[in-house]
Protein backbone atom coordinates (compact mmCIF):
# COMPACT_ATOMS: atom_id res chain seq x y z
CA MET A 1 107.58 102.97 93.45
CA GLY A 2 104.24 102.82 91.80
CA ARG A 3 102.60 103.50 88.52
CA LEU A 4 103.27 106.92 87.04
CA HIS A 5 99.88 108.54 87.53
CA PRO A 6 98.72 111.94 88.88
CA VAL A 7 97.14 110.35 91.99
CA LYS A 8 100.61 109.30 93.17
CA GLY A 9 101.63 112.93 93.75
CA TYR A 10 104.90 112.74 91.81
CA ALA A 11 104.52 116.20 90.23
CA GLU A 12 104.08 117.71 93.71
CA LEU A 13 107.08 115.72 94.92
CA ILE A 14 109.25 117.06 92.10
CA ALA A 15 108.06 120.62 92.85
CA ALA A 16 108.93 120.17 96.54
CA TRP A 17 112.30 118.67 95.60
CA ALA A 18 112.98 121.71 93.41
CA GLU A 19 112.32 124.02 96.35
CA VAL A 20 114.38 122.07 98.88
CA ARG A 21 117.15 120.80 96.56
CA PRO A 22 118.71 118.62 99.25
CA ALA A 23 122.48 118.65 98.80
CA GLY A 24 123.97 115.27 97.98
CA TRP A 25 120.59 113.60 97.47
CA GLN A 26 119.16 111.96 94.35
CA LEU A 27 115.48 111.24 93.74
CA GLY A 28 114.52 108.10 91.86
CA ILE A 29 110.94 107.46 90.79
CA ALA A 30 110.27 103.87 89.76
CA GLY A 31 107.16 102.56 88.10
CA PRO A 32 105.45 101.89 84.79
CA ASP A 33 104.07 104.74 82.72
CA GLU A 34 100.31 105.03 82.75
CA ASP A 35 98.53 106.94 80.00
CA GLY A 36 101.67 108.84 78.98
CA TYR A 37 102.12 110.57 82.35
CA ARG A 38 105.87 110.00 82.21
CA ALA A 39 106.13 112.77 79.57
CA THR A 40 104.43 115.19 81.99
CA LEU A 41 106.89 114.29 84.74
CA GLU A 42 109.85 114.63 82.36
CA ALA A 43 108.65 118.15 81.53
CA VAL A 44 108.31 119.05 85.23
CA ILE A 45 111.83 117.74 85.87
CA ARG A 46 113.24 119.70 82.93
CA GLU A 47 111.38 122.93 83.85
CA SER A 48 112.58 122.62 87.46
CA GLY A 49 116.21 122.26 86.41
CA LEU A 50 116.47 118.86 88.10
CA LYS A 51 117.61 116.76 85.15
CA GLY A 52 120.69 115.41 86.96
CA GLN A 53 119.03 115.02 90.36
CA VAL A 54 115.62 113.41 89.62
CA HIS A 55 115.54 110.14 87.68
CA LEU A 56 112.57 108.29 86.21
CA LEU A 57 113.65 104.66 86.47
CA GLY A 58 110.72 103.04 84.68
CA GLU A 59 109.24 99.74 85.75
CA VAL A 60 111.57 97.66 87.91
CA ASP A 61 111.57 93.92 88.53
CA ASP A 62 111.41 92.43 92.02
CA THR A 63 115.18 92.02 92.38
CA LEU A 64 115.90 95.62 91.41
CA LYS A 65 113.02 96.88 93.58
CA TRP A 66 114.51 95.30 96.73
CA SER A 67 117.98 96.50 95.80
CA LEU A 68 116.71 100.07 95.42
CA LEU A 69 114.83 99.87 98.72
CA ASP A 70 117.91 98.53 100.49
CA GLN A 71 120.01 101.43 99.15
CA ALA A 72 117.44 104.16 99.81
CA GLU A 73 117.82 106.59 102.69
CA LEU A 74 114.14 107.64 102.44
CA PHE A 75 111.03 106.40 100.68
CA LEU A 76 108.68 109.11 99.47
CA ALA A 77 105.04 108.29 98.74
CA PRO A 78 103.16 111.58 98.37
CA SER A 79 100.04 109.80 97.13
CA LYS A 80 96.73 111.62 97.17
CA THR A 81 94.95 108.39 98.05
CA GLU A 82 95.92 104.76 98.74
CA ASN A 83 93.95 101.94 100.28
CA PHE A 84 97.06 100.44 101.92
CA GLY A 85 100.20 101.19 99.96
CA MET A 86 102.11 97.92 99.55
CA ALA A 87 105.20 99.85 98.44
CA ILE A 88 105.16 101.69 101.77
CA ALA A 89 105.06 98.39 103.66
CA GLU A 90 107.89 97.07 101.51
CA ALA A 91 110.00 100.15 102.20
CA LEU A 92 109.43 99.75 105.93
CA GLN A 93 110.25 96.03 105.68
CA SER A 94 113.57 96.98 104.09
CA GLY A 95 114.33 99.36 106.96
CA THR A 96 113.75 102.56 104.99
CA PRO A 97 111.89 105.42 106.72
CA VAL A 98 108.87 106.73 104.82
CA ILE A 99 107.32 110.10 104.07
CA THR A 100 103.71 109.77 102.97
CA THR A 101 100.50 111.77 103.08
CA LYS A 102 97.33 111.47 105.07
CA GLY A 103 95.78 110.12 101.87
CA THR A 104 97.28 106.81 102.99
CA PRO A 105 96.34 104.87 106.14
CA TRP A 106 99.84 105.05 107.63
CA ARG A 107 99.29 107.08 110.83
CA GLU A 108 101.65 104.55 112.46
CA LEU A 109 104.63 106.18 110.79
CA THR A 110 104.61 108.99 113.33
CA GLU A 111 103.32 106.85 116.21
CA GLN A 112 106.15 104.31 115.74
CA ASP A 113 108.79 106.92 114.76
CA CYS A 114 109.51 105.28 111.43
CA GLY A 115 108.60 108.16 109.15
CA TRP A 116 106.31 111.09 108.52
CA TRP A 117 102.55 111.11 107.88
CA ILE A 118 101.84 114.57 106.49
CA ASP A 119 99.13 116.74 105.00
CA HIS A 120 98.74 116.88 101.23
CA GLY A 121 100.48 119.53 99.18
CA SER A 122 103.85 120.83 98.20
CA ARG A 123 104.35 123.03 101.28
CA ALA A 124 103.97 120.18 103.79
CA LEU A 125 106.13 118.02 101.59
CA GLU A 126 108.80 120.73 101.33
CA ARG A 127 108.97 121.16 105.12
CA THR A 128 109.16 117.45 105.75
CA LEU A 129 111.64 116.79 102.97
CA ALA A 130 113.92 119.54 104.33
CA GLU A 131 113.66 118.08 107.84
CA ALA A 132 114.22 114.46 106.80
CA THR A 133 117.16 115.14 104.49
CA ALA A 134 118.84 117.22 107.19
CA TYR A 135 119.02 114.23 109.51
CA GLY A 136 122.19 112.21 109.59
CA ALA A 137 122.34 108.61 108.42
CA GLU A 138 122.24 107.34 112.02
CA VAL A 139 118.84 108.95 112.73
CA LEU A 140 117.40 107.70 109.43
CA ARG A 141 118.69 104.18 110.11
CA ALA A 142 117.07 104.23 113.56
CA LYS A 143 113.75 105.29 112.03
CA GLY A 144 114.16 102.58 109.41
CA GLY A 145 114.77 100.02 112.13
CA ASN A 146 111.56 101.11 113.82
CA GLY A 147 109.73 100.60 110.52
CA HIS A 148 111.16 97.13 110.07
CA ARG A 149 110.03 96.25 113.59
CA LEU A 150 106.52 97.62 112.89
CA ILE A 151 106.16 95.37 109.84
CA ARG A 152 107.54 92.34 111.68
CA GLU A 153 105.23 92.86 114.67
CA LYS A 154 102.02 93.76 112.83
CA TYR A 155 102.04 93.02 109.12
CA THR A 156 103.62 89.62 108.50
CA TRP A 157 101.34 86.96 107.02
CA GLU A 158 101.33 85.17 110.37
CA ARG A 159 100.24 88.31 112.27
CA VAL A 160 97.56 89.22 109.74
CA ALA A 161 96.23 85.63 109.70
CA ALA A 162 96.10 85.53 113.52
CA SER A 163 94.24 88.88 113.62
CA THR A 164 91.78 87.69 110.99
CA ILE A 165 91.10 84.45 112.85
CA GLU A 166 90.57 86.37 116.08
CA LEU A 167 88.14 88.73 114.35
CA TYR A 168 86.10 85.79 113.00
CA ARG A 169 86.10 84.12 116.42
CA SER A 170 84.80 87.28 118.07
CA LEU A 171 82.11 87.64 115.39
CA LEU A 172 81.05 84.02 115.80
CA LYS A 173 81.05 84.33 119.59
CA GLY A 174 78.81 87.39 119.39
CA LYS A 175 76.46 85.61 116.99
CA ASN A 176 76.09 82.60 119.32
CA GLN A 177 75.15 84.67 122.38
């Protein structure tokens, strides 16, 4: 879920999907087209022989977004760079384990056992995709539960506000000494 743009790593994701071809899995990519990049992705899908397995869903509204996240077994965000990745947080909130790259600040995925934080590139993505799709639903649900807990414990508005207030207090305290 995110704009269709080269920085999001979707072409690399499709290439990795073509190598792994996880049996029984479907890949949906949701987001608005940016600068005609959708046509590039359609070509990659066609050339990879994945027409029935990889679907470009276009831009989705909030209701459909949450429905898709609730149904997903995995959330894949192979972005080359992200400052936070709200879609990653939303996937974790919905209880969906995440695979993302070290171009995002989500080291916690491995630390909290709620996903995979991997190197860039198709090879790392292929290995991780093969590993993740080989897990049973029970393991993925457990990882998703860990992700939901991470968001609840660290990233709710209340938690972020409390952390911000504490930061300002410590700064003010240091200034007054």
